[in-house]
Amino acid sequence: MLIRYKKSYEKIAMGLLSFIPSEKEIKLLLQTVQKYEEDENWQLFLWKDDEDILGVVGVHLTSEHEAIIEHISVNPSYRAEGVGKKMILALEQFIGADVHLVPSQAIKSYFNKCF
């Protein structure tokens, strides 16, 4: 189940985002989370399965009809189980059919592997 990020999930979100190679540095990681908290066009979602949060996906809404997937990460213990694909499919439903999801250059190869 996809849930919207809130401040109480900050440490979990940071932990999941830290698995992204470009987000390894703590200063950059803090800036990324701050961007999602402060800019309404940047939205972060967590993937919850039963009681565990397994992944995170972040989008940048560039217009009424386009959103760029900027970040996606799955807990290493749950990789290769289709969690990333489930997050993307749920995100498509969450943001609506009239919004086209586009992968950023950083996640393009991962996105293509999912589909």
PDB file of N, CA and C in Angstrom:
ATOM      1  N   MET A   1       0.842  -1.169   0.000  1.00  0.00           N
ATOM      2  CA  MET A   1       0.000   0.000   0.000  1.00  0.00           C
ATOM      3  C   MET A   1       0.895   1.243   0.000  1.00  0.00           C
ATOM      4  N   LEU A   2       0.562   2.183  -0.868  1.00  0.00           N
ATOM      5  CA  LEU A   2       1.310   3.432  -0.967  1.00  0.00           C
ATOM      6  C   LEU A   2       0.748   4.433   0.035  1.00  0.00           C
ATOM      7  N   ILE A   3       1.630   5.016   0.831  1.00  0.00           N
ATOM      8  CA  ILE A   3       1.211   6.037   1.798  1.00  0.00           C
ATOM      9  C   ILE A   3       2.047   7.294   1.590  1.00  0.00           C
ATOM     10  N   ARG A   4       1.428   8.424   1.848  1.00  0.00           N
ATOM     11  CA  ARG A   4       2.114   9.701   1.688  1.00  0.00           C
ATOM     12  C   ARG A   4       3.097   9.906   2.846  1.00  0.00           C
ATOM     13  N   TYR A   5       4.254  10.453   2.517  1.00  0.00           N
ATOM     14  CA  TYR A   5       5.279  10.769   3.520  1.00  0.00           C
ATOM     15  C   TYR A   5       4.757  11.807   4.504  1.00  0.00           C
ATOM     16  N   LYS A   6       5.115  11.621   5.756  1.00  0.00           N
ATOM     17  CA  LYS A   6       4.912  12.655   6.773  1.00  0.00           C
ATOM     18  C   LYS A   6       6.143  12.653   7.674  1.00  0.00           C
ATOM     19  N   LYS A   7       6.304  13.724   8.415  1.00  0.00           N
ATOM     20  CA  LYS A   7       7.518  13.951   9.212  1.00  0.00           C
ATOM     21  C   LYS A   7       7.849  12.770  10.136  1.00  0.00           C
ATOM     22  N   SER A   8       6.840  12.091  10.643  1.00  0.00           N
ATOM     23  CA  SER A   8       7.104  10.972  11.553  1.00  0.00           C
ATOM     24  C   SER A   8       7.812   9.803  10.854  1.00  0.00           C
ATOM     25  N   TYR A   9       7.809   9.792   9.526  1.00  0.00           N
ATOM     26  CA  TYR A   9       8.496   8.750   8.757  1.00  0.00           C
ATOM     27  C   TYR A   9       9.883   9.191   8.284  1.00  0.00           C
ATOM     28  N   GLU A  10      10.360  10.333   8.783  1.00  0.00           N
ATOM     29  CA  GLU A  10      11.604  10.916   8.273  1.00  0.00           C
ATOM     30  C   GLU A  10      12.787   9.948   8.329  1.00  0.00           C
ATOM     31  N   LYS A  11      13.020   9.303   9.462  1.00  0.00           N
ATOM     32  CA  LYS A  11      14.179   8.416   9.594  1.00  0.00           C
ATOM     33  C   LYS A  11      14.065   7.204   8.678  1.00  0.00           C
ATOM     34  N   ILE A  12      12.871   6.665   8.545  1.00  0.00           N
ATOM     35  CA  ILE A  12      12.660   5.519   7.657  1.00  0.00           C
ATOM     36  C   ILE A  12      12.914   5.932   6.214  1.00  0.00           C
ATOM     37  N   ALA A  13      12.352   7.082   5.824  1.00  0.00           N
ATOM     38  CA  ALA A  13      12.529   7.577   4.457  1.00  0.00           C
ATOM     39  C   ALA A  13      14.003   7.843   4.167  1.00  0.00           C
ATOM     40  N   MET A  14      14.695   8.457   5.118  1.00  0.00           N
ATOM     41  CA  MET A  14      16.117   8.736   4.923  1.00  0.00           C
ATOM     42  C   MET A  14      16.914   7.441   4.797  1.00  0.00           C
ATOM     43  N   GLY A  15      16.562   6.459   5.586  1.00  0.00           N
ATOM     44  CA  GLY A  15      17.243   5.171   5.505  1.00  0.00           C
ATOM     45  C   GLY A  15      17.071   4.526   4.139  1.00  0.00           C
ATOM     46  N   LEU A  16      15.846   4.567   3.620  1.00  0.00           N
ATOM     47  CA  LEU A  16      15.581   3.979   2.306  1.00  0.00           C
ATOM     48  C   LEU A  16      16.237   4.794   1.194  1.00  0.00           C
ATOM     49  N   LEU A  17      16.160   6.112   1.287  1.00  0.00           N
ATOM     50  CA  LEU A  17      16.801   6.961   0.276  1.00  0.00           C
ATOM     51  C   LEU A  17      18.312   6.797   0.284  1.00  0.00           C
ATOM     52  N   SER A  18      18.889   6.464   1.429  1.00  0.00           N
ATOM     53  CA  SER A  18      20.352   6.325   1.512  1.00  0.00           C
ATOM     54  C   SER A  18      20.873   5.137   0.702  1.00  0.00           C
ATOM     55  N   PHE A  19      19.984   4.227   0.280  1.00  0.00           N
ATOM     56  CA  PHE A  19      20.400   3.111  -0.578  1.00  0.00           C
ATOM     57  C   PHE A  19      20.635   3.564  -2.017  1.00  0.00           C
ATOM     58  N   ILE A  20      20.193   4.780  -2.357  1.00  0.00           N
ATOM     59  CA  ILE A  20      20.409   5.330  -3.693  1.00  0.00           C
ATOM     60  C   ILE A  20      21.840   5.878  -3.729  1.00  0.00           C
ATOM     61  N   PRO A  21      22.658   5.432  -4.675  1.00  0.00           N
ATOM     62  CA  PRO A  21      24.061   5.854  -4.698  1.00  0.00           C
ATOM     63  C   PRO A  21      24.267   7.370  -4.661  1.00  0.00           C
ATOM     64  N   SER A  22      23.418   8.135  -5.333  1.00  0.00           N
ATOM     65  CA  SER A  22      23.597   9.589  -5.361  1.00  0.00           C
ATOM     66  C   SER A  22      23.187  10.255  -4.052  1.00  0.00           C
ATOM     67  N   GLU A  23      22.569   9.506  -3.148  1.00  0.00           N
ATOM     68  CA  GLU A  23      22.088  10.061  -1.879  1.00  0.00           C
ATOM     69  C   GLU A  23      22.898   9.560  -0.680  1.00  0.00           C
ATOM     70  N   LYS A  24      24.068   9.043  -0.901  1.00  0.00           N
ATOM     71  CA  LYS A  24      24.887   8.490   0.180  1.00  0.00           C
ATOM     72  C   LYS A  24      25.354   9.542   1.181  1.00  0.00           C
ATOM     73  N   GLU A  25      25.700  10.726   0.688  1.00  0.00           N
ATOM     74  CA  GLU A  25      26.213  11.781   1.555  1.00  0.00           C
ATOM     75  C   GLU A  25      25.081  12.359   2.406  1.00  0.00           C
ATOM     76  N   ILE A  26      25.274  12.422   3.708  1.00  0.00           N
ATOM     77  CA  ILE A  26      24.219  12.824   4.642  1.00  0.00           C
ATOM     78  C   ILE A  26      23.702  14.235   4.358  1.00  0.00           C
ATOM     79  N   LYS A  27      24.580  15.159   3.991  1.00  0.00           N
ATOM     80  CA  LYS A  27      24.161  16.532   3.719  1.00  0.00           C
ATOM     81  C   LYS A  27      23.199  16.576   2.525  1.00  0.00           C
ATOM     82  N   LEU A  28      23.519  15.848   1.481  1.00  0.00           N
ATOM     83  CA  LEU A  28      22.673  15.782   0.296  1.00  0.00           C
ATOM     84  C   LEU A  28      21.347  15.079   0.615  1.00  0.00           C
ATOM     85  N   LEU A  29      21.426  14.037   1.402  1.00  0.00           N
ATOM     86  CA  LEU A  29      20.235  13.300   1.817  1.00  0.00           C
ATOM     87  C   LEU A  29      19.278  14.197   2.604  1.00  0.00           C
ATOM     88  N   LEU A  30      19.818  14.989   3.510  1.00  0.00           N
ATOM     89  CA  LEU A  30      18.991  15.925   4.283  1.00  0.00           C
ATOM     90  C   LEU A  30      18.348  16.972   3.378  1.00  0.00           C
ATOM     91  N   GLN A  31      19.090  17.456   2.381  1.00  0.00           N
ATOM     92  CA  GLN A  31      18.541  18.429   1.438  1.00  0.00           C
ATOM     93  C   GLN A  31      17.407  17.818   0.619  1.00  0.00           C
ATOM     94  N   THR A  32      17.559  16.575   0.228  1.00  0.00           N
ATOM     95  CA  THR A  32      16.524  15.883  -0.542  1.00  0.00           C
ATOM     96  C   THR A  32      15.243  15.756   0.270  1.00  0.00           C
ATOM     97  N   VAL A  33      15.355  15.298   1.501  1.00  0.00           N
ATOM     98  CA  VAL A  33      14.180  15.142   2.356  1.00  0.00           C
ATOM     99  C   VAL A  33      13.535  16.500   2.608  1.00  0.00           C
ATOM    100  N   GLN A  34      14.340  17.516   2.823  1.00  0.00           N
ATOM    101  CA  GLN A  34      13.819  18.864   3.054  1.00  0.00           C
ATOM    102  C   GLN A  34      13.026  19.356   1.830  1.00  0.00           C
ATOM    103  N   LYS A  35      13.516  19.055   0.641  1.00  0.00           N
ATOM    104  CA  LYS A  35      12.819  19.451  -0.579  1.00  0.00           C
ATOM    105  C   LYS A  35      11.427  18.812  -0.630  1.00  0.00           C
ATOM    106  N   TYR A  36      11.346  17.532  -0.274  1.00  0.00           N
ATOM    107  CA  TYR A  36      10.059  16.838  -0.266  1.00  0.00           C
ATOM    108  C   TYR A  36       9.124  17.394   0.811  1.00  0.00           C
ATOM    109  N   GLU A  37       9.690  17.850   1.914  1.00  0.00           N
ATOM    110  CA  GLU A  37       8.870  18.396   2.997  1.00  0.00           C
ATOM    111  C   GLU A  37       8.355  19.801   2.693  1.00  0.00           C
ATOM    112  N   GLU A  38       9.145  20.596   1.982  1.00  0.00           N
ATOM    113  CA  GLU A  38       8.828  22.012   1.820  1.00  0.00           C
ATOM    114  C   GLU A  38       8.176  22.390   0.494  1.00  0.00           C
ATOM    115  N   ASP A  39       8.426  21.643  -0.563  1.00  0.00           N
ATOM    116  CA  ASP A  39       7.914  22.004  -1.888  1.00  0.00           C
ATOM    117  C   ASP A  39       6.744  21.088  -2.245  1.00  0.00           C
ATOM    118  N   GLU A  40       5.574  21.673  -2.426  1.00  0.00           N
ATOM    119  CA  GLU A  40       4.376  20.868  -2.704  1.00  0.00           C
ATOM    120  C   GLU A  40       4.444  20.153  -4.053  1.00  0.00           C
ATOM    121  N   ASN A  41       5.337  20.590  -4.941  1.00  0.00           N
ATOM    122  CA  ASN A  41       5.492  19.917  -6.230  1.00  0.00           C
ATOM    123  C   ASN A  41       6.407  18.696  -6.151  1.00  0.00           C
ATOM    124  N   TRP A  42       7.047  18.515  -5.016  1.00  0.00           N
ATOM    125  CA  TRP A  42       7.879  17.336  -4.770  1.00  0.00           C
ATOM    126  C   TRP A  42       7.144  16.497  -3.722  1.00  0.00           C
ATOM    127  N   GLN A  43       6.765  15.280  -4.108  1.00  0.00           N
ATOM    128  CA  GLN A  43       5.989  14.441  -3.208  1.00  0.00           C
ATOM    129  C   GLN A  43       6.679  13.094  -3.014  1.00  0.00           C
ATOM    130  N   LEU A  44       6.707  12.671  -1.763  1.00  0.00           N
ATOM    131  CA  LEU A  44       7.366  11.430  -1.390  1.00  0.00           C
ATOM    132  C   LEU A  44       6.325  10.455  -0.855  1.00  0.00           C
ATOM    133  N   PHE A  45       6.450   9.200  -1.268  1.00  0.00           N
ATOM    134  CA  PHE A  45       5.532   8.157  -0.842  1.00  0.00           C
ATOM    135  C   PHE A  45       6.321   6.957  -0.341  1.00  0.00           C
ATOM    136  N   LEU A  46       5.735   6.242   0.600  1.00  0.00           N
ATOM    137  CA  LEU A  46       6.363   5.036   1.146  1.00  0.00           C
ATOM    138  C   LEU A  46       5.490   3.841   0.808  1.00  0.00           C
ATOM    139  N   TRP A  47       6.112   2.694   0.616  1.00  0.00           N
ATOM    140  CA  TRP A  47       5.391   1.465   0.328  1.00  0.00           C
ATOM    141  C   TRP A  47       5.352   0.625   1.603  1.00  0.00           C
ATOM    142  N   LYS A  48       4.128   0.395   2.084  1.00  0.00           N
ATOM    143  CA  LYS A  48       3.941  -0.357   3.318  1.00  0.00           C
ATOM    144  C   LYS A  48       3.284  -1.688   2.985  1.00  0.00           C
ATOM    145  N   ASP A  49       3.901  -2.760   3.456  1.00  0.00           N
ATOM    146  CA  ASP A  49       3.381  -4.112   3.255  1.00  0.00           C
ATOM    147  C   ASP A  49       3.172  -4.702   4.633  1.00  0.00           C
ATOM    148  N   ASP A  50       1.927  -4.985   4.981  1.00  0.00           N
ATOM    149  CA  ASP A  50       1.561  -5.393   6.335  1.00  0.00           C
ATOM    150  C   ASP A  50       1.984  -4.281   7.304  1.00  0.00           C
ATOM    151  N   GLU A  51       2.999  -4.523   8.122  1.00  0.00           N
ATOM    152  CA  GLU A  51       3.410  -3.511   9.089  1.00  0.00           C
ATOM    153  C   GLU A  51       4.778  -2.907   8.789  1.00  0.00           C
ATOM    154  N   ASP A  52       5.443  -3.405   7.756  1.00  0.00           N
ATOM    155  CA  ASP A  52       6.791  -2.932   7.425  1.00  0.00           C
ATOM    156  C   ASP A  52       6.766  -1.973   6.250  1.00  0.00           C
ATOM    157  N   ILE A  53       7.621  -0.961   6.307  1.00  0.00           N
ATOM    158  CA  ILE A  53       7.803  -0.057   5.177  1.00  0.00           C
ATOM    159  C   ILE A  53       8.989  -0.583   4.384  1.00  0.00           C
ATOM    160  N   LEU A  54       8.723  -0.947   3.124  1.00  0.00           N
ATOM    161  CA  LEU A  54       9.720  -1.630   2.311  1.00  0.00           C
ATOM    162  C   LEU A  54      10.395  -0.755   1.269  1.00  0.00           C
ATOM    163  N   GLY A  55       9.758   0.368   0.905  1.00  0.00           N
ATOM    164  CA  GLY A  55      10.325   1.178  -0.161  1.00  0.00           C
ATOM    165  C   GLY A  55       9.850   2.615  -0.110  1.00  0.00           C
ATOM    166  N   VAL A  56      10.470   3.408  -0.978  1.00  0.00           N
ATOM    167  CA  VAL A  56      10.147   4.831  -1.068  1.00  0.00           C
ATOM    168  C   VAL A  56      10.208   5.241  -2.541  1.00  0.00           C
ATOM    169  N   VAL A  57       9.302   6.136  -2.930  1.00  0.00           N
ATOM    170  CA  VAL A  57       9.305   6.672  -4.284  1.00  0.00           C
ATOM    171  C   VAL A  57       8.966   8.158  -4.202  1.00  0.00           C
ATOM    172  N   GLY A  58       9.735   8.961  -4.926  1.00  0.00           N
ATOM    173  CA  GLY A  58       9.533  10.408  -4.911  1.00  0.00           C
ATOM    174  C   GLY A  58       9.313  10.951  -6.300  1.00  0.00           C
ATOM    175  N   VAL A  59       8.343  11.852  -6.432  1.00  0.00           N
ATOM    176  CA  VAL A  59       8.034  12.443  -7.731  1.00  0.00           C
ATOM    177  C   VAL A  59       8.106  13.962  -7.667  1.00  0.00           C
ATOM    178  N   HIS A  60       8.410  14.523  -8.815  1.00  0.00           N
ATOM    179  CA  HIS A  60       8.418  15.981  -8.994  1.00  0.00           C
ATOM    180  C   HIS A  60       7.311  16.297  -9.999  1.00  0.00           C
ATOM    181  N   LEU A  61       6.266  16.983  -9.541  1.00  0.00           N
ATOM    182  CA  LEU A  61       5.165  17.362 -10.419  1.00  0.00           C
ATOM    183  C   LEU A  61       5.601  18.593 -11.208  1.00  0.00           C
ATOM    184  N   THR A  62       5.853  18.400 -12.504  1.00  0.00           N
ATOM    185  CA  THR A  62       6.360  19.487 -13.337  1.00  0.00           C
ATOM    186  C   THR A  62       5.240  20.281 -13.994  1.00  0.00           C
ATOM    187  N   SER A  63       4.062  19.667 -14.114  1.00  0.00           N
ATOM    188  CA  SER A  63       2.892  20.341 -14.675  1.00  0.00           C
ATOM    189  C   SER A  63       1.650  19.574 -14.226  1.00  0.00           C
ATOM    190  N   GLU A  64       0.498  20.028 -14.681  1.00  0.00           N
ATOM    191  CA  GLU A  64      -0.743  19.325 -14.332  1.00  0.00           C
ATOM    192  C   GLU A  64      -0.796  17.937 -14.943  1.00  0.00           C
ATOM    193  N   HIS A  65      -0.007  17.717 -15.987  1.00  0.00           N
ATOM    194  CA  HIS A  65      -0.099  16.462 -16.731  1.00  0.00           C
ATOM    195  C   HIS A  65       1.190  15.647 -16.760  1.00  0.00           C
ATOM    196  N   GLU A  66       2.193  16.061 -15.978  1.00  0.00           N
ATOM    197  CA  GLU A  66       3.446  15.309 -15.982  1.00  0.00           C
ATOM    198  C   GLU A  66       4.086  15.299 -14.600  1.00  0.00           C
ATOM    199  N   ALA A  67       4.600  14.132 -14.236  1.00  0.00           N
ATOM    200  CA  ALA A  67       5.342  13.968 -12.984  1.00  0.00           C
ATOM    201  C   ALA A  67       6.583  13.135 -13.281  1.00  0.00           C
ATOM    202  N   ILE A  68       7.713  13.602 -12.801  1.00  0.00           N
ATOM    203  CA  ILE A  68       8.972  12.891 -12.998  1.00  0.00           C
ATOM    204  C   ILE A  68       9.288  12.090 -11.737  1.00  0.00           C
ATOM    205  N   ILE A  69       9.523  10.800 -11.913  1.00  0.00           N
ATOM    206  CA  ILE A  69       9.943   9.974 -10.778  1.00  0.00           C
ATOM    207  C   ILE A  69      11.417  10.275 -10.545  1.00  0.00           C
ATOM    208  N   GLU A  70      11.709  10.940  -9.446  1.00  0.00           N
ATOM    209  CA  GLU A  70      13.078  11.369  -9.146  1.00  0.00           C
ATOM    210  C   GLU A  70      13.848  10.336  -8.326  1.00  0.00           C
ATOM    211  N   HIS A  71      13.169   9.675  -7.410  1.00  0.00           N
ATOM    212  CA  HIS A  71      13.818   8.715  -6.510  1.00  0.00           C
ATOM    213  C   HIS A  71      12.950   7.472  -6.368  1.00  0.00           C
ATOM    214  N   ILE A  72      13.602   6.348  -6.310  1.00  0.00           N
ATOM    215  CA  ILE A  72      12.910   5.098  -5.976  1.00  0.00           C
ATOM    216  C   ILE A  72      13.936   4.179  -5.316  1.00  0.00           C
ATOM    217  N   SER A  73      13.530   3.583  -4.207  1.00  0.00           N
ATOM    218  CA  SER A  73      14.441   2.705  -3.472  1.00  0.00           C
ATOM    219  C   SER A  73      13.635   1.651  -2.729  1.00  0.00           C
ATOM    220  N   VAL A  74      14.176   0.448  -2.698  1.00  0.00           N
ATOM    221  CA  VAL A  74      13.553  -0.670  -1.987  1.00  0.00           C
ATOM    222  C   VAL A  74      14.575  -1.229  -1.005  1.00  0.00           C
ATOM    223  N   ASN A  75      14.108  -1.563   0.174  1.00  0.00           N
ATOM    224  CA  ASN A  75      14.959  -2.201   1.170  1.00  0.00           C
ATOM    225  C   ASN A  75      15.650  -3.405   0.512  1.00  0.00           C
ATOM    226  N   PRO A  76      16.967  -3.513   0.627  1.00  0.00           N
ATOM    227  CA  PRO A  76      17.688  -4.614  -0.022  1.00  0.00           C
ATOM    228  C   PRO A  76      17.142  -6.004   0.308  1.00  0.00           C
ATOM    229  N   SER A  77      16.569  -6.200   1.466  1.00  0.00           N
ATOM    230  CA  SER A  77      16.012  -7.502   1.842  1.00  0.00           C
ATOM    231  C   SER A  77      14.791  -7.885   1.015  1.00  0.00           C
ATOM    232  N   TYR A  78      14.188  -6.904   0.335  1.00  0.00           N
ATOM    233  CA  TYR A  78      12.961  -7.151  -0.416  1.00  0.00           C
ATOM    234  C   TYR A  78      13.126  -6.893  -1.913  1.00  0.00           C
ATOM    235  N   ARG A  79      14.343  -6.760  -2.363  1.00  0.00           N
ATOM    236  CA  ARG A  79      14.571  -6.523  -3.789  1.00  0.00           C
ATOM    237  C   ARG A  79      14.311  -7.795  -4.584  1.00  0.00           C
ATOM    238  N   ALA A  80      14.029  -7.615  -5.868  1.00  0.00           N
ATOM    239  CA  ALA A  80      13.725  -8.704  -6.801  1.00  0.00           C
ATOM    240  C   ALA A  80      12.415  -9.413  -6.439  1.00  0.00           C
ATOM    241  N   GLU A  81      11.537  -8.719  -5.724  1.00  0.00           N
ATOM    242  CA  GLU A  81      10.224  -9.270  -5.377  1.00  0.00           C
ATOM    243  C   GLU A  81       9.094  -8.462  -6.008  1.00  0.00           C
ATOM    244  N   GLY A  82       9.431  -7.506  -6.866  1.00  0.00           N
ATOM    245  CA  GLY A  82       8.419  -6.711  -7.543  1.00  0.00           C
ATOM    246  C   GLY A  82       7.897  -5.510  -6.771  1.00  0.00           C
ATOM    247  N   VAL A  83       8.561  -5.157  -5.683  1.00  0.00           N
ATOM    248  CA  VAL A  83       8.112  -4.033  -4.863  1.00  0.00           C
ATOM    249  C   VAL A  83       8.195  -2.719  -5.640  1.00  0.00           C
ATOM    250  N   GLY A  84       9.277  -2.509  -6.376  1.00  0.00           N
ATOM    251  CA  GLY A  84       9.433  -1.285  -7.159  1.00  0.00           C
ATOM    252  C   GLY A  84       8.322  -1.136  -8.185  1.00  0.00           C
ATOM    253  N   LYS A  85       8.020  -2.201  -8.877  1.00  0.00           N
ATOM    254  CA  LYS A  85       6.943  -2.169  -9.878  1.00  0.00           C
ATOM    255  C   LYS A  85       5.604  -1.879  -9.210  1.00  0.00           C
ATOM    256  N   LYS A  86       5.350  -2.508  -8.074  1.00  0.00           N
ATOM    257  CA  LYS A  86       4.105  -2.254  -7.342  1.00  0.00           C
ATOM    258  C   LYS A  86       3.997  -0.786  -6.936  1.00  0.00           C
ATOM    259  N   MET A  87       5.118  -0.206  -6.495  1.00  0.00           N
ATOM    260  CA  MET A  87       5.105   1.204  -6.102  1.00  0.00           C
ATOM    261  C   MET A  87       4.763   2.102  -7.289  1.00  0.00           C
ATOM    262  N   ILE A  88       5.372   1.827  -8.437  1.00  0.00           N
ATOM    263  CA  ILE A  88       5.128   2.649  -9.621  1.00  0.00           C
ATOM    264  C   ILE A  88       3.675   2.518 -10.078  1.00  0.00           C
ATOM    265  N   LEU A  89       3.149   1.306 -10.101  1.00  0.00           N
ATOM    266  CA  LEU A  89       1.756   1.103 -10.503  1.00  0.00           C
ATOM    267  C   LEU A  89       0.788   1.789  -9.540  1.00  0.00           C
ATOM    268  N   ALA A  90       1.065   1.693  -8.250  1.00  0.00           N
ATOM    269  CA  ALA A  90       0.218   2.351  -7.253  1.00  0.00           C
ATOM    270  C   ALA A  90       0.324   3.867  -7.375  1.00  0.00           C
ATOM    271  N   LEU A  91       1.513   4.355  -7.688  1.00  0.00           N
ATOM    272  CA  LEU A  91       1.726   5.792  -7.859  1.00  0.00           C
ATOM    273  C   LEU A  91       0.915   6.310  -9.047  1.00  0.00           C
ATOM    274  N   GLU A  92       0.884   5.539 -10.137  1.00  0.00           N
ATOM    275  CA  GLU A  92       0.087   5.922 -11.304  1.00  0.00           C
ATOM    276  C   GLU A  92      -1.381   6.093 -10.922  1.00  0.00           C
ATOM    277  N   GLN A  93      -1.903   5.181 -10.130  1.00  0.00           N
ATOM    278  CA  GLN A  93      -3.300   5.277  -9.689  1.00  0.00           C
ATOM    279  C   GLN A  93      -3.483   6.443  -8.729  1.00  0.00           C
ATOM    280  N   PHE A  94      -2.513   6.657  -7.855  1.00  0.00           N
ATOM    281  CA  PHE A  94      -2.614   7.696  -6.830  1.00  0.00           C
ATOM    282  C   PHE A  94      -2.661   9.103  -7.440  1.00  0.00           C
ATOM    283  N   ILE A  95      -1.794   9.350  -8.423  1.00  0.00           N
ATOM    284  CA  ILE A  95      -1.723  10.707  -8.991  1.00  0.00           C
ATOM    285  C   ILE A  95      -2.741  10.928 -10.101  1.00  0.00           C
ATOM    286  N   GLY A  96      -3.337   9.869 -10.617  1.00  0.00           N
ATOM    287  CA  GLY A  96      -4.404  10.002 -11.600  1.00  0.00           C
ATOM    288  C   GLY A  96      -3.984   9.683 -13.019  1.00  0.00           C
ATOM    289  N   ALA A  97      -4.978   9.279 -13.796  1.00  0.00           N
ATOM    290  CA  ALA A  97      -4.734   8.857 -15.179  1.00  0.00           C
ATOM    291  C   ALA A  97      -4.327  10.006 -16.093  1.00  0.00           C
ATOM    292  N   ASP A  98      -4.685  11.225 -15.736  1.00  0.00           N
ATOM    293  CA  ASP A  98      -4.357  12.369 -16.591  1.00  0.00           C
ATOM    294  C   ASP A  98      -2.939  12.887 -16.382  1.00  0.00           C
ATOM    295  N   VAL A  99      -2.203  12.285 -15.442  1.00  0.00           N
ATOM    296  CA  VAL A  99      -0.814  12.677 -15.189  1.00  0.00           C
ATOM    297  C   VAL A  99       0.107  11.579 -15.717  1.00  0.00           C
ATOM    298  N   HIS A 100       0.995  11.962 -16.610  1.00  0.00           N
ATOM    299  CA  HIS A 100       1.938  11.025 -17.221  1.00  0.00           C
ATOM    300  C   HIS A 100       3.186  10.928 -16.347  1.00  0.00           C
ATOM    301  N   LEU A 101       3.541   9.703 -15.936  1.00  0.00           N
ATOM    302  CA  LEU A 101       4.753   9.470 -15.134  1.00  0.00           C
ATOM    303  C   LEU A 101       5.948   9.262 -16.059  1.00  0.00           C
ATOM    304  N   VAL A 102       7.009   9.998 -15.787  1.00  0.00           N
ATOM    305  CA  VAL A 102       8.223   9.919 -16.589  1.00  0.00           C
ATOM    306  C   VAL A 102       9.388   9.631 -15.644  1.00  0.00           C
ATOM    307  N   PRO A 103      10.227   8.647 -15.968  1.00  0.00           N
ATOM    308  CA  PRO A 103      11.396   8.406 -15.105  1.00  0.00           C
ATOM    309  C   PRO A 103      12.482   9.453 -15.339  1.00  0.00           C
ATOM    310  N   SER A 104      13.139   9.864 -14.278  1.00  0.00           N
ATOM    311  CA  SER A 104      14.293  10.754 -14.423  1.00  0.00           C
ATOM    312  C   SER A 104      15.432   9.950 -15.055  1.00  0.00           C
ATOM    313  N   GLN A 105      16.439  10.653 -15.544  1.00  0.00           N
ATOM    314  CA  GLN A 105      17.589   9.970 -16.133  1.00  0.00           C
ATOM    315  C   GLN A 105      18.230   9.004 -15.135  1.00  0.00           C
ATOM    316  N   ALA A 106      18.233   9.388 -13.859  1.00  0.00           N
ATOM    317  CA  ALA A 106      18.883   8.583 -12.826  1.00  0.00           C
ATOM    318  C   ALA A 106      18.203   7.230 -12.624  1.00  0.00           C
ATOM    319  N   ILE A 107      16.907   7.150 -12.846  1.00  0.00           N
ATOM    320  CA  ILE A 107      16.203   5.879 -12.602  1.00  0.00           C
ATOM    321  C   ILE A 107      15.657   5.239 -13.867  1.00  0.00           C
ATOM    322  N   LYS A 108      15.996   5.787 -15.007  1.00  0.00           N
ATOM    323  CA  LYS A 108      15.436   5.307 -16.281  1.00  0.00           C
ATOM    324  C   LYS A 108      15.680   3.812 -16.499  1.00  0.00           C
ATOM    325  N   SER A 109      16.900   3.333 -16.276  1.00  0.00           N
ATOM    326  CA  SER A 109      17.181   1.913 -16.502  1.00  0.00           C
ATOM    327  C   SER A 109      16.399   1.026 -15.541  1.00  0.00           C
ATOM    328  N   TYR A 110      16.275   1.456 -14.286  1.00  0.00           N
ATOM    329  CA  TYR A 110      15.488   0.698 -13.306  1.00  0.00           C
ATOM    330  C   TYR A 110      14.016   0.677 -13.735  1.00  0.00           C
ATOM    331  N   PHE A 111      13.494   1.813 -14.151  1.00  0.00           N
ATOM    332  CA  PHE A 111      12.105   1.931 -14.583  1.00  0.00           C
ATOM    333  C   PHE A 111      11.846   0.986 -15.754  1.00  0.00           C
ATOM    334  N   ASN A 112      12.761   0.971 -16.727  1.00  0.00           N
ATOM    335  CA  ASN A 112      12.591   0.114 -17.901  1.00  0.00           C
ATOM    336  C   ASN A 112      12.638  -1.370 -17.524  1.00  0.00           C
ATOM    337  N   LYS A 113      13.415  -1.729 -16.515  1.00  0.00           N
ATOM    338  CA  LYS A 113      13.476  -3.115 -16.055  1.00  0.00           C
ATOM    339  C   LYS A 113      12.137  -3.548 -15.444  1.00  0.00           C
ATOM    340  N   CYS A 114      11.451  -2.605 -14.821  1.00  0.00           N
ATOM    341  CA  CYS A 114      10.166  -2.909 -14.181  1.00  0.00           C
ATOM    342  C   CYS A 114       9.081  -3.192 -15.208  1.00  0.00           C
ATOM    343  N   PHE A 115       9.222  -2.605 -16.385  1.00  0.00           N
ATOM    344  CA  PHE A 115       8.164  -2.743 -17.397  1.00  0.00           C
ATOM    345  C   PHE A 115       8.712  -3.292 -18.651  1.00  0.00           C
TER     346      PHE A 115
END
